């Protein structure tokens, strides 16, 4: 009988073999670096300049200069390339992503931040230096200098008189270069992911353009970009669990901000009537495809505006940002746009929460529900369910009424309902389980193929501690959330500027905290003092930049649009 303690776990031999192979490759690359040093060359150089009269260009500019030589089939002919560029010499820099040799020719594919180009290197033109190409490995960063030509296959190419290693990559790239598919590795080693998967880099280029376009929208209408503290002494601005930190010199317990809202509204008091901030926020919550503990938030506050005006502005803002993305990245945008399950081409739906619950209740085909919402909408359904007390015994029968009824998350609906303390919270619970999961089905574009973005508006005041009550319906607040293909994108409302009303709502938050609620705000005395100085009527808005990028690039997870998402600590292999 063998001793189990001496046996390797399943897969250990394969992992050890893989590790040994990689170690051998690393050793080979290090030996090549040493060879360069022995010859007096630095394998980590920084003197990157043309040396034979070439002009330093990005690869995209190089291709632009040869565009006239490109045929309708996309191929280049040597005579046309020579006619277009003459005897001009060009100096390029980039990473080697492909390498093959045949006879006295070597083909290197070089990539920089703007594109790719082939190096067509001949032994005849390079002479003795041709043998040194064996020192180049995939992943190395090199420079090359020479004239433009075309290969026999019609590939635009540089025919270099010299090629030089600038940075020796000591680790090999993923197998076949495009072999990095493991999601965990991609997120953890983003520096490899960006090279191995070019479409990933496209998403982060898009993110940069989206942020720039967002700033332009606000700058063009007179907003001032500001920065507010990210370390707070109180929890405020949103209902979320914070991260704790400590300031040693002041011996103060602090919270990483969950939202910049209360500081931005202080600026309205101070006379800065249009302000916005794009900054990092932190929430000590679960991680999902839509949530990362550290994220980027856009918030803006607009004096003398209402939440109705903000709905109009939001539609215009999203279309403007998308149009700028299309201008900056036309090919990628065309692909993303074609794949989108939603459309910006039609007016967004605007649906009061009470009406959304009523429509969702009717869609279930539950007879008692259809009767209940016929008069008062969602409020009627609240009355029906409240009269039943614990409606758990009815759920099985109700779920048989239709495919829509069967699709409801009945267990969590019941749990959420039983936790509610008032009708406002009950309306929100009904919306959350009956309507929100089905927004993409219920609100379609005219052709019925794509979903419409939906403004869900007029929330119960009990669920909105910072929003202004509606003048005609004080049980509601002037608030909306925008959902794009079922995903919440932003939250906005007309701001509460009555200091006494705000103080009472803070006290209610404190009461809930004392009762055990985790996601509550503190009583912010200084903010009340600011409101007592007089804050103009205003509307405010918050949107996650990460979610905006997800939406516009069709990214399935928030980790796909954050360069370095938070991951569990890496364990030793």
Protein backbone atom coordinates (compact mmCIF):
# COMPACT_ATOMS: atom_id res chain seq x y z
CA UNK A 1 0.00 0.00 0.00
CA UNK A 2 1.50 3.34 -1.02
CA UNK A 3 2.01 6.19 1.42
CA UNK A 4 -0.49 8.93 0.43
CA UNK A 5 1.76 11.60 1.92
CA UNK A 6 4.34 11.03 -0.84
CA UNK A 7 1.88 11.33 -3.69
CA UNK A 8 1.38 14.58 -5.59
CA UNK A 9 -2.15 16.01 -5.77
CA UNK A 10 -4.04 15.73 -9.08
CA UNK A 11 -2.62 18.07 -11.68
CA UNK A 12 0.52 18.80 -9.66
CA UNK A 13 2.81 17.05 -12.16
CA UNK A 14 1.35 19.03 -15.06
CA UNK A 15 1.65 22.28 -13.11
CA UNK A 16 5.26 21.48 -12.18
CA UNK A 17 6.10 20.65 -15.78
CA UNK A 18 4.52 23.90 -16.98
CA UNK A 19 6.45 25.85 -14.36
CA UNK A 20 9.70 24.16 -15.36
CA UNK A 21 9.11 24.97 -19.02
CA UNK A 22 8.45 28.60 -18.21
CA UNK A 23 11.55 28.77 -16.03
CA UNK A 24 13.60 27.46 -18.94
CA UNK A 25 12.17 30.12 -21.27
CA UNK A 26 12.90 32.85 -18.73
CA UNK A 27 16.47 31.56 -18.36
CA UNK A 28 16.91 31.65 -22.14
CA UNK A 29 15.66 35.23 -22.32
CA UNK A 30 17.94 36.29 -19.48
CA UNK A 31 20.87 34.72 -21.31
CA UNK A 32 20.03 36.79 -24.39
CA UNK A 33 19.91 39.93 -22.23
CA UNK A 34 23.33 39.08 -20.85
CA UNK A 35 24.60 38.61 -24.40
CA UNK A 36 23.44 42.13 -25.27
CA UNK A 37 25.23 43.53 -22.22
CA UNK A 38 28.43 41.67 -23.13
CA UNK A 39 28.30 43.38 -26.53
CA UNK A 40 27.96 46.78 -24.86
CA UNK A 41 24.22 47.15 -25.53
CA UNK A 42 21.63 47.88 -22.84
CA UNK A 43 18.69 45.43 -22.93
CA UNK A 44 16.65 48.13 -21.16
CA UNK A 45 17.58 51.15 -23.25
CA UNK A 46 16.15 54.64 -23.20
CA UNK A 47 17.97 56.36 -26.06
CA UNK A 48 15.22 55.90 -28.62
CA UNK A 49 16.02 58.15 -31.60
CA UNK A 50 16.34 57.65 -35.37
CA UNK A 51 19.92 57.08 -36.45
CA UNK A 52 19.79 56.78 -40.24
CA UNK A 53 17.73 59.84 -41.14
CA UNK A 54 14.28 58.40 -40.52
CA UNK A 55 11.31 60.35 -39.15
CA UNK A 56 9.80 58.97 -35.93
CA UNK A 57 6.11 58.18 -36.51
CA UNK A 58 3.27 56.27 -34.88
CA UNK A 59 2.18 53.24 -36.86
CA UNK A 60 -1.23 54.74 -37.61
CA UNK A 61 0.46 57.79 -39.15
CA UNK A 62 2.69 55.49 -41.16
CA UNK A 63 -0.33 53.71 -42.58
CA UNK A 64 -1.99 57.02 -43.32
CA UNK A 65 1.00 58.10 -45.43
CA UNK A 66 0.66 54.93 -47.51
CA UNK A 67 -3.14 54.98 -47.82
CA UNK A 68 -3.01 55.99 -51.48
CA UNK A 69 -1.15 52.77 -52.23
CA UNK A 70 -3.88 50.56 -50.82
CA UNK A 71 -6.02 48.76 -53.36
CA UNK A 72 -9.77 48.11 -53.18
CA UNK A 73 -9.00 44.63 -51.88
CA UNK A 74 -7.09 46.16 -48.97
CA UNK A 75 -3.73 45.00 -50.29
CA UNK A 76 -0.68 47.06 -51.15
CA UNK A 77 1.57 46.86 -54.21
CA UNK A 78 5.27 47.66 -53.89
CA UNK A 79 5.32 50.08 -56.81
CA UNK A 80 2.34 52.03 -55.45
CA UNK A 81 3.93 52.20 -51.99
CA UNK A 82 7.16 53.50 -53.44
CA UNK A 83 5.27 56.05 -55.52
CA UNK A 84 3.37 57.26 -52.45
CA UNK A 85 6.33 57.50 -50.05
CA UNK A 86 9.38 57.74 -52.27
CA UNK A 87 12.72 57.40 -50.51
CA UNK A 88 11.35 58.52 -47.14
CA UNK A 89 12.61 56.60 -44.13
CA UNK A 90 10.56 55.98 -41.02
CA UNK A 91 11.43 55.16 -37.42
CA UNK A 92 8.91 53.12 -35.41
CA UNK A 93 8.80 51.60 -31.93
CA UNK A 94 6.62 48.84 -30.54
CA UNK A 95 6.16 45.35 -29.14
CA UNK A 96 6.84 42.21 -31.18
CA UNK A 97 3.61 40.20 -31.37
CA UNK A 98 4.50 37.80 -34.19
CA UNK A 99 7.75 36.40 -35.54
CA UNK A 100 8.52 34.00 -38.39
CA UNK A 101 11.52 33.30 -40.58
CA UNK A 102 11.84 31.64 -43.96
CA UNK A 103 15.09 31.39 -45.89
CA UNK A 104 16.82 34.73 -45.80
CA UNK A 105 13.69 36.62 -44.75
CA UNK A 106 12.25 37.33 -41.31
CA UNK A 107 8.83 38.83 -40.67
CA UNK A 108 8.17 40.65 -37.38
CA UNK A 109 4.81 42.12 -36.51
CA UNK A 110 5.11 45.26 -34.44
CA UNK A 111 2.34 46.90 -32.38
CA UNK A 112 2.30 50.35 -30.82
CA UNK A 113 -0.55 52.29 -29.20
CA UNK A 114 -1.98 53.20 -32.61
CA UNK A 115 -1.80 50.00 -34.64
CA UNK A 116 0.36 47.27 -36.15
CA UNK A 117 2.81 47.01 -39.01
CA UNK A 118 5.04 44.30 -40.45
CA UNK A 119 8.81 44.45 -40.53
CA UNK A 120 10.13 42.68 -43.63
CA UNK A 121 13.78 41.98 -42.84
CA UNK A 122 16.12 40.50 -45.40
CA UNK A 123 19.54 39.03 -44.78
CA UNK A 124 20.75 40.75 -47.92
CA UNK A 125 20.00 44.22 -46.61
CA UNK A 126 20.93 43.61 -42.96
CA UNK A 127 24.21 41.80 -43.52
CA UNK A 128 25.91 40.46 -40.39
CA UNK A 129 23.31 42.11 -38.16
CA UNK A 130 20.70 39.68 -39.53
CA UNK A 131 22.04 36.89 -37.31
CA UNK A 132 21.23 38.96 -34.23
CA UNK A 133 17.50 38.65 -34.94
CA UNK A 134 17.70 35.33 -33.10
CA UNK A 135 18.09 37.40 -29.92
CA UNK A 136 14.58 38.82 -30.38
CA UNK A 137 11.67 37.06 -28.67
CA UNK A 138 7.92 37.53 -28.72
CA UNK A 139 7.02 40.34 -26.37
CA UNK A 140 10.26 42.27 -26.77
CA UNK A 141 9.99 45.99 -27.44
CA UNK A 142 12.08 47.05 -30.43
CA UNK A 143 12.75 49.95 -32.75
CA UNK A 144 13.18 49.74 -36.49
CA UNK A 145 14.13 52.22 -39.18
CA UNK A 146 13.75 51.98 -42.92
CA UNK A 147 11.66 52.65 -45.99
CA UNK A 148 8.17 51.42 -46.79
CA UNK A 149 7.45 48.55 -49.16
CA UNK A 150 4.89 45.78 -49.64
CA UNK A 151 5.27 42.04 -49.23
CA UNK A 152 4.31 39.56 -51.94
CA UNK A 153 1.05 38.98 -50.07
CA UNK A 154 0.19 42.70 -50.27
CA UNK A 155 1.07 43.52 -46.67
CA UNK A 156 2.31 47.05 -45.96
CA UNK A 157 5.80 46.59 -44.52
CA UNK A 158 8.85 48.46 -43.33
CA UNK A 159 12.08 47.22 -44.85
CA UNK A 160 14.44 48.16 -42.03
CA UNK A 161 18.13 48.89 -42.31
CA UNK A 162 18.39 48.34 -38.59
CA UNK A 163 16.41 46.68 -35.81
CA UNK A 164 17.30 47.09 -32.15
CA UNK A 165 15.97 45.65 -28.91
CA UNK A 166 14.88 48.42 -26.56
CA UNK A 167 13.37 46.30 -23.77
CA UNK A 168 14.01 42.61 -23.32
CA UNK A 169 10.84 40.85 -22.10
CA UNK A 170 12.11 38.35 -19.54
CA UNK A 171 8.81 36.49 -19.31
CA UNK A 172 7.18 34.86 -22.32
CA UNK A 173 3.70 35.99 -23.37
CA UNK A 174 0.72 33.62 -23.15
CA UNK A 175 0.90 30.67 -25.52
CA UNK A 176 0.27 31.76 -29.12
CA UNK A 177 0.15 35.32 -27.73
CA UNK A 178 -3.64 35.42 -27.89
CA UNK A 179 -3.99 32.53 -25.47
CA UNK A 180 -4.84 34.54 -22.34
CA UNK A 181 -8.45 33.53 -21.68
CA UNK A 182 -8.56 32.71 -17.96
CA UNK A 183 -10.71 35.47 -16.49
CA UNK A 184 -8.99 35.59 -13.10
CA UNK A 185 -5.56 35.86 -14.73
CA UNK A 186 -6.78 38.50 -17.15
CA UNK A 187 -8.00 40.76 -14.33
CA UNK A 188 -4.99 40.13 -12.11
CA UNK A 189 -2.40 40.56 -14.88
CA UNK A 190 -4.12 43.32 -16.82
CA UNK A 191 -0.76 44.40 -18.24
CA UNK A 192 -0.65 41.09 -20.14
CA UNK A 193 -4.38 41.10 -20.92
CA UNK A 194 -4.12 44.47 -22.69
CA UNK A 195 -1.45 43.13 -25.04
CA UNK A 196 -2.82 39.65 -25.55
CA UNK A 197 -6.41 40.79 -26.19
CA UNK A 198 -6.53 44.01 -28.24
CA UNK A 199 -10.30 44.38 -27.83
CA UNK A 200 -9.68 44.88 -24.09
CA UNK A 201 -7.52 47.89 -24.82
CA UNK A 202 -10.33 49.23 -27.02
CA UNK A 203 -12.69 49.23 -24.03
CA UNK A 204 -10.27 51.29 -21.95
CA UNK A 205 -9.63 53.69 -24.80
CA UNK A 206 -13.39 54.04 -25.01
CA UNK A 207 -13.55 54.73 -21.28
CA UNK A 208 -11.11 57.61 -21.68
CA UNK A 209 -13.14 59.09 -24.54
CA UNK A 210 -16.38 58.66 -22.56
CA UNK A 211 -15.01 60.50 -19.53
CA UNK A 212 -13.65 63.27 -21.74
CA UNK A 213 -16.97 63.59 -23.55
CA UNK A 214 -18.84 63.68 -20.24
CA UNK A 215 -16.73 66.57 -19.03
CA UNK A 216 -17.34 68.42 -22.29
CA UNK A 217 -21.12 68.12 -21.91
CA UNK A 218 -20.98 69.86 -18.53
CA UNK A 219 -18.27 72.37 -19.37
CA UNK A 220 -20.24 73.51 -22.42
CA UNK A 221 -23.28 74.47 -20.30
CA UNK A 222 -21.40 76.36 -17.63
CA UNK A 223 -20.73 73.75 -14.96
CA UNK A 224 -17.66 74.00 -12.76
CA UNK A 225 -15.69 70.82 -12.07
CA UNK A 226 -14.73 70.58 -8.40
CA UNK A 227 -13.10 68.13 -6.00
CA UNK A 228 -14.46 67.31 -2.56
CA UNK A 229 -13.08 65.19 0.31
CA UNK A 230 -12.85 61.43 -0.03
CA UNK A 231 -12.37 60.95 3.73
CA UNK A 232 -15.44 61.84 5.79
CA UNK A 233 -16.13 62.07 9.49
CA UNK A 234 -19.76 60.99 8.97
CA UNK A 235 -21.62 58.54 6.73
CA UNK A 236 -23.76 60.47 4.26
CA UNK A 237 -24.86 61.03 0.69
CA UNK A 238 -26.21 57.51 0.08
CA UNK A 239 -27.44 54.41 1.87
CA UNK A 240 -24.42 52.08 1.87
CA UNK A 241 -21.86 50.51 4.19
CA UNK A 242 -18.58 52.46 4.28
CA UNK A 243 -14.94 51.53 4.57
CA UNK A 244 -13.27 52.69 7.78
CA UNK A 245 -9.84 54.30 8.05
CA UNK A 246 -7.87 56.15 10.71
CA UNK A 247 -5.95 59.41 10.63
CA UNK A 248 -2.95 59.00 12.92
CA UNK A 249 -1.93 62.65 13.41
CA UNK A 250 -5.46 63.77 14.30
CA UNK A 251 -6.35 60.46 15.97
CA UNK A 252 -9.67 60.43 14.09
CA UNK A 253 -11.79 57.58 12.84
CA UNK A 254 -12.80 58.37 9.26
CA UNK A 255 -14.93 56.86 6.50
CA UNK A 256 -14.00 56.58 2.84
CA UNK A 257 -16.75 58.45 1.06
CA UNK A 258 -19.72 56.59 -0.33
CA UNK A 259 -20.85 59.67 -2.28
CA UNK A 260 -19.80 63.34 -2.66
CA UNK A 261 -23.40 64.60 -2.51
CA UNK A 262 -23.52 66.56 0.73
CA UNK A 263 -20.32 68.48 0.02
CA UNK A 264 -21.43 69.35 -3.50
CA UNK A 265 -24.72 70.72 -2.21
CA UNK A 266 -22.83 72.85 0.30
CA UNK A 267 -21.28 74.50 -2.76
CA UNK A 268 -24.76 75.42 -4.03
CA UNK A 269 -25.27 77.21 -0.73
CA UNK A 270 -21.98 79.02 -1.36
CA UNK A 271 -23.16 80.33 -4.73
CA UNK A 272 -21.51 77.83 -7.09
CA UNK A 273 -24.78 77.16 -8.86
CA UNK A 274 -23.63 74.46 -11.30
CA UNK A 275 -21.04 72.00 -10.04
CA UNK A 276 -19.96 68.48 -10.96
CA UNK A 277 -17.39 65.97 -9.80
CA UNK A 278 -16.02 62.81 -11.37
CA UNK A 279 -14.27 60.95 -8.60
CA UNK A 280 -13.68 57.74 -6.72
CA UNK A 281 -16.17 56.43 -4.19
CA UNK A 282 -15.98 53.39 -1.92
CA UNK A 283 -18.71 51.08 -0.64
CA UNK A 284 -18.03 48.12 1.61
CA UNK A 285 -20.51 45.83 -0.10
CA UNK A 286 -20.60 42.62 -2.08
CA UNK A 287 -18.87 42.16 -5.43
CA UNK A 288 -20.92 41.30 -8.51
CA UNK A 289 -20.97 41.92 -12.23
CA UNK A 290 -22.34 45.41 -11.45
CA UNK A 291 -20.57 46.23 -8.18
CA UNK A 292 -16.94 46.89 -7.31
CA UNK A 293 -15.98 48.26 -3.87
CA UNK A 294 -14.04 51.10 -5.49
CA UNK A 295 -15.76 52.85 -8.38
CA UNK A 296 -15.99 56.15 -10.25
CA UNK A 297 -19.01 58.36 -9.76
CA UNK A 298 -20.28 61.39 -11.65
CA UNK A 299 -22.42 63.68 -9.54
CA UNK A 300 -23.71 67.10 -10.53
CA UNK A 301 -25.96 69.68 -8.91
CA UNK A 302 -27.87 72.34 -10.81
CA UNK A 303 -29.45 75.30 -9.05
CA UNK A 304 -32.96 76.29 -10.19
CA UNK A 305 -33.43 73.04 -12.15
CA UNK A 306 -36.02 70.32 -11.45
CA UNK A 307 -35.86 66.56 -11.82
CA UNK A 308 -38.06 66.86 -14.92
CA UNK A 309 -35.41 69.07 -16.57
CA UNK A 310 -32.76 66.55 -15.57
CA UNK A 311 -34.60 63.81 -17.45
CA UNK A 312 -34.41 65.90 -20.64
CA UNK A 313 -30.76 66.70 -19.96
CA UNK A 314 -29.91 63.06 -19.29
CA UNK A 315 -31.26 61.94 -22.65
CA UNK A 316 -29.28 64.66 -24.42
CA UNK A 317 -26.15 63.92 -22.37
CA UNK A 318 -26.13 60.19 -23.16
CA UNK A 319 -26.68 60.78 -26.86
CA UNK A 320 -23.88 63.38 -26.93
CA UNK A 321 -21.43 61.06 -25.16
CA UNK A 322 -22.31 58.21 -27.50
CA UNK A 323 -21.90 60.44 -30.55
CA UNK A 324 -18.46 61.53 -29.35
CA UNK A 325 -17.48 57.88 -28.85
CA UNK A 326 -18.62 57.16 -32.41
CA UNK A 327 -16.48 60.01 -33.70
CA UNK A 328 -13.40 58.96 -31.72
CA UNK A 329 -13.62 55.19 -32.35
CA UNK A 330 -15.82 54.69 -35.43
CA UNK A 331 -15.04 51.03 -36.10
CA UNK A 332 -15.35 49.86 -32.51
CA UNK A 333 -18.45 51.97 -31.94
CA UNK A 334 -20.15 50.53 -35.01
CA UNK A 335 -19.57 47.04 -33.64
CA UNK A 336 -20.75 47.91 -30.14
CA UNK A 337 -23.79 49.77 -31.45
CA UNK A 338 -24.85 46.88 -33.68
CA UNK A 339 -24.69 44.49 -30.73
CA UNK A 340 -26.62 46.66 -28.27
CA UNK A 341 -29.94 45.24 -27.04
CA UNK A 342 -31.25 48.78 -26.42
CA UNK A 343 -31.62 51.94 -28.49
CA UNK A 344 -31.10 55.66 -27.90
CA UNK A 345 -32.91 56.53 -31.14
CA UNK A 346 -36.34 57.02 -29.56
CA UNK A 347 -37.56 59.05 -26.58
CA UNK A 348 -36.93 57.25 -23.30
CA UNK A 349 -39.94 55.85 -21.41
CA UNK A 350 -40.97 57.81 -18.31
CA UNK A 351 -43.00 55.76 -15.85
CA UNK A 352 -44.14 56.64 -12.31
CA UNK A 353 -43.26 53.83 -9.91
CA UNK A 354 -46.92 53.37 -8.97
CA UNK A 355 -47.82 52.88 -12.65
CA UNK A 356 -44.86 50.54 -13.18
CA UNK A 357 -46.10 48.29 -10.37
CA UNK A 358 -49.65 48.37 -11.75
CA UNK A 359 -48.51 47.41 -15.26
CA UNK A 360 -46.36 44.61 -13.86
CA UNK A 361 -49.25 43.33 -11.75
CA UNK A 362 -51.53 43.20 -14.78
CA UNK A 363 -48.88 41.30 -16.73
CA UNK A 364 -49.03 38.47 -14.17
CA UNK A 365 -52.67 37.71 -15.10
CA UNK A 366 -53.40 37.13 -11.40
CA UNK A 367 -57.10 37.99 -11.28
CA UNK A 368 -57.11 39.47 -7.78
CA UNK A 369 -54.13 41.64 -8.63
CA UNK A 370 -55.66 42.93 -11.85
CA UNK A 371 -58.77 43.99 -9.89
CA UNK A 372 -56.68 45.59 -7.12
CA UNK A 373 -54.66 47.84 -9.45
CA UNK A 374 -57.61 48.85 -11.63
CA UNK A 375 -58.33 51.91 -9.51
CA UNK A 376 -55.27 53.02 -7.54
CA UNK A 377 -52.47 51.26 -9.38
CA UNK A 378 -49.71 49.88 -7.21
CA UNK A 379 -51.32 51.43 -4.12
CA UNK A 380 -54.30 49.15 -4.67
CA UNK A 381 -52.04 46.10 -4.71
CA UNK A 382 -50.48 47.25 -1.43
CA UNK A 383 -53.97 47.39 0.11
CA UNK A 384 -54.77 43.88 -1.12
CA UNK A 385 -51.55 42.32 0.16
CA UNK A 386 -51.66 44.20 3.46
CA UNK A 387 -55.11 42.78 4.06
CA UNK A 388 -53.74 39.28 3.65
CA UNK A 389 -50.96 39.81 6.19
CA UNK A 390 -48.44 37.08 5.34
CA UNK A 391 -49.40 36.16 1.78
CA UNK A 392 -47.04 33.16 1.66
CA UNK A 393 -49.94 30.73 1.44
CA UNK A 394 -51.22 32.33 -1.76
CA UNK A 395 -47.94 32.41 -3.69
CA UNK A 396 -48.11 28.87 -5.07
CA UNK A 397 -51.55 29.45 -6.56
CA UNK A 398 -50.66 32.90 -7.88
CA UNK A 399 -47.51 31.60 -9.61
CA UNK A 400 -49.67 29.32 -11.80
CA UNK A 401 -51.49 32.27 -13.38
CA UNK A 402 -49.04 32.89 -16.25
CA UNK A 403 -45.44 32.44 -17.38
CA UNK A 404 -44.79 35.96 -16.08
CA UNK A 405 -46.18 35.07 -12.65
CA UNK A 406 -44.03 31.96 -12.56
CA UNK A 407 -40.90 34.03 -13.27
CA UNK A 408 -41.31 36.20 -10.16
CA UNK A 409 -38.86 35.66 -7.30
CA UNK A 410 -41.66 34.91 -4.84
CA UNK A 411 -39.46 33.94 -1.91
CA UNK A 412 -37.49 37.18 -1.84
CA UNK A 413 -40.60 39.24 -2.60
CA UNK A 414 -42.22 37.83 0.54
CA UNK A 415 -39.09 38.36 2.64
CA UNK A 416 -38.72 41.93 1.41
CA UNK A 417 -42.39 42.66 2.01
CA UNK A 418 -42.28 41.37 5.59
CA UNK A 419 -39.40 43.72 6.43
CA UNK A 420 -41.28 46.82 5.26
CA UNK A 421 -42.42 49.29 7.90
CA UNK A 422 -44.71 51.51 5.82
CA UNK A 423 -46.56 51.70 2.51
CA UNK A 424 -43.74 53.63 0.82
CA UNK A 425 -41.31 50.81 1.48
CA UNK A 426 -43.97 48.31 0.37
CA UNK A 427 -44.44 50.07 -2.96
CA UNK A 428 -40.70 50.01 -3.53
CA UNK A 429 -40.53 46.29 -2.65
CA UNK A 430 -43.29 45.53 -5.16
CA UNK A 431 -41.48 47.52 -7.82
CA UNK A 432 -38.17 45.81 -7.07
CA UNK A 433 -39.58 42.27 -7.53
CA UNK A 434 -42.53 42.69 -9.90
CA UNK A 435 -41.42 45.43 -12.29
CA UNK A 436 -37.67 46.03 -12.34
CA UNK A 437 -36.69 42.48 -13.46
CA UNK A 438 -39.03 42.80 -16.45
CA UNK A 439 -38.31 46.33 -17.69
CA UNK A 440 -36.64 45.01 -20.85
CA UNK A 441 -39.79 43.05 -21.72
CA UNK A 442 -42.30 45.77 -20.87
CA UNK A 443 -40.68 48.78 -22.56
CA UNK A 444 -39.67 48.18 -26.17
CA UNK A 445 -38.74 50.34 -29.14
CA UNK A 446 -41.33 50.78 -31.88
CA UNK A 447 -40.03 47.80 -33.84
CA UNK A 448 -40.23 45.59 -30.75
CA UNK A 449 -36.64 44.38 -31.17
CA UNK A 450 -34.69 46.51 -28.73
CA UNK A 451 -35.52 47.78 -25.28
CA UNK A 452 -36.09 51.42 -24.44
CA UNK A 453 -34.26 53.14 -21.60
CA UNK A 454 -36.77 53.73 -18.80
CA UNK A 455 -36.99 56.59 -16.32
CA UNK A 456 -38.76 55.17 -13.27
CA UNK A 457 -39.92 58.25 -11.38
CA UNK A 458 -41.90 59.53 -8.39
CA UNK A 459 -40.52 57.39 -5.57
CA UNK A 460 -42.00 57.03 -2.07
CA UNK A 461 -40.48 59.61 0.25
CA UNK A 462 -39.70 56.92 2.86
CA UNK A 463 -37.09 55.41 0.51
CA UNK A 464 -35.48 58.74 -0.48
CA UNK A 465 -34.01 60.55 2.55
CA UNK A 466 -32.39 63.38 0.57
CA UNK A 467 -35.03 64.09 -2.11
CA UNK A 468 -37.65 66.83 -2.18
CA UNK A 469 -41.30 65.93 -1.62
CA UNK A 470 -43.69 66.45 -4.49
CA UNK A 471 -45.88 69.50 -3.87
CA UNK A 472 -49.10 67.78 -5.00
CA UNK A 473 -48.25 64.35 -3.53
CA UNK A 474 -46.19 64.75 -0.34
CA UNK A 475 -46.08 60.95 0.02
CA UNK A 476 -43.82 60.95 -3.07
CA UNK A 477 -40.54 62.64 -3.96
CA UNK A 478 -39.44 64.19 -7.24
CA UNK A 479 -36.94 61.46 -8.07
CA UNK A 480 -36.05 59.19 -10.96
CA UNK A 481 -33.72 56.32 -11.71
CA UNK A 482 -32.74 55.47 -15.26
CA UNK A 483 -32.59 51.84 -16.32
CA UNK A 484 -30.95 50.87 -19.61
CA UNK A 485 -31.78 47.32 -20.64
CA UNK A 486 -32.60 46.42 -17.07
CA UNK A 487 -29.45 47.91 -15.53
CA UNK A 488 -29.70 50.90 -13.21
CA UNK A 489 -27.51 53.66 -14.63
CA UNK A 490 -28.28 56.77 -12.61
CA UNK A 491 -30.28 58.26 -9.76
CA UNK A 492 -31.50 61.86 -9.60
CA UNK A 493 -33.98 64.07 -7.81
CA UNK A 494 -35.08 67.55 -7.00
CA UNK A 495 -33.10 68.41 -3.89
CA UNK A 496 -34.53 68.82 -0.43
CA UNK A 497 -33.57 72.28 0.78
CA UNK A 498 -35.91 72.58 3.80
CA UNK A 499 -33.53 72.21 6.77
CA UNK A 500 -36.26 71.11 9.20
CA UNK A 501 -37.55 68.40 6.84
CA UNK A 502 -33.98 67.24 6.20
CA UNK A 503 -33.22 67.13 9.92
CA UNK A 504 -36.25 64.97 10.56
CA UNK A 505 -35.22 62.56 7.81
CA UNK A 506 -31.72 62.34 9.29
CA UNK A 507 -33.30 61.51 12.66
CA UNK A 508 -35.28 58.73 10.98
CA UNK A 509 -32.04 57.36 9.53
CA UNK A 510 -30.47 57.40 13.00
CA UNK A 511 -33.51 55.59 14.42
CA UNK A 512 -33.15 52.86 11.78
CA UNK A 513 -29.43 52.54 12.54
CA UNK A 514 -30.23 52.08 16.23
CA UNK A 515 -32.73 49.38 15.28
CA UNK A 516 -30.02 47.43 13.47
CA UNK A 517 -30.17 48.71 9.87
CA UNK A 518 -26.69 48.71 8.31
CA UNK A 519 -27.12 50.95 5.26
CA UNK A 520 -28.14 54.23 6.87
CA UNK A 521 -26.80 57.77 7.12
CA UNK A 522 -25.60 59.73 10.12
CA UNK A 523 -27.06 63.02 11.35
CA UNK A 524 -24.93 65.68 9.67
CA UNK A 525 -25.29 68.82 11.79
CA UNK A 526 -23.03 70.91 9.58
CA UNK A 527 -25.09 70.06 6.51
CA UNK A 528 -28.25 71.18 8.32
CA UNK A 529 -26.44 74.39 9.27
CA UNK A 530 -25.58 74.89 5.59
CA UNK A 531 -29.23 74.44 4.57
CA UNK A 532 -30.21 76.99 7.21
CA UNK A 533 -28.06 79.49 5.32
CA UNK A 534 -30.35 78.90 2.34
CA UNK A 535 -29.79 76.53 -0.56
CA UNK A 536 -31.46 77.52 -3.85
CA UNK A 537 -33.99 75.12 -5.35
CA UNK A 538 -31.94 72.59 -7.29
CA UNK A 539 -31.78 69.14 -8.81
CA UNK A 540 -28.95 66.63 -8.45
CA UNK A 541 -27.80 63.55 -10.28
CA UNK A 542 -25.46 60.61 -9.71
CA UNK A 543 -24.20 58.05 -12.24
CA UNK A 544 -21.56 55.36 -12.11
CA UNK A 545 -18.98 55.95 -14.85
CA UNK A 546 -18.12 52.26 -14.81
CA UNK A 547 -21.71 51.32 -15.59
CA UNK A 548 -21.86 53.93 -18.34
CA UNK A 549 -18.81 52.37 -19.99
CA UNK A 550 -20.30 48.89 -19.57
CA UNK A 551 -23.46 50.05 -21.28
CA UNK A 552 -21.80 51.75 -24.25
CA UNK A 553 -19.27 48.95 -24.90
CA UNK A 554 -21.56 45.99 -24.10
CA UNK A 555 -19.23 44.81 -21.34
CA UNK A 556 -20.85 41.98 -19.31
CA UNK A 557 -19.04 42.74 -16.04
CA UNK A 558 -17.86 45.86 -14.23
CA UNK A 559 -14.45 44.19 -13.93
CA UNK A 560 -14.16 44.43 -17.71
CA UNK A 561 -14.16 48.24 -17.54
CA UNK A 562 -11.96 48.73 -14.45
CA UNK A 563 -8.28 48.37 -15.23
CA UNK A 564 -7.37 46.81 -11.89
CA UNK A 565 -10.50 45.52 -10.12
CA UNK A 566 -10.26 44.36 -6.53
CA UNK A 567 -9.55 40.63 -6.31
CA UNK A 568 -8.93 38.19 -3.52
CA UNK A 569 -5.34 38.01 -2.34
CA UNK A 570 -3.32 35.80 -4.66
CA UNK A 571 -2.47 32.48 -3.06
CA UNK A 572 0.87 30.79 -3.51
CA UNK A 573 0.78 28.28 -6.36
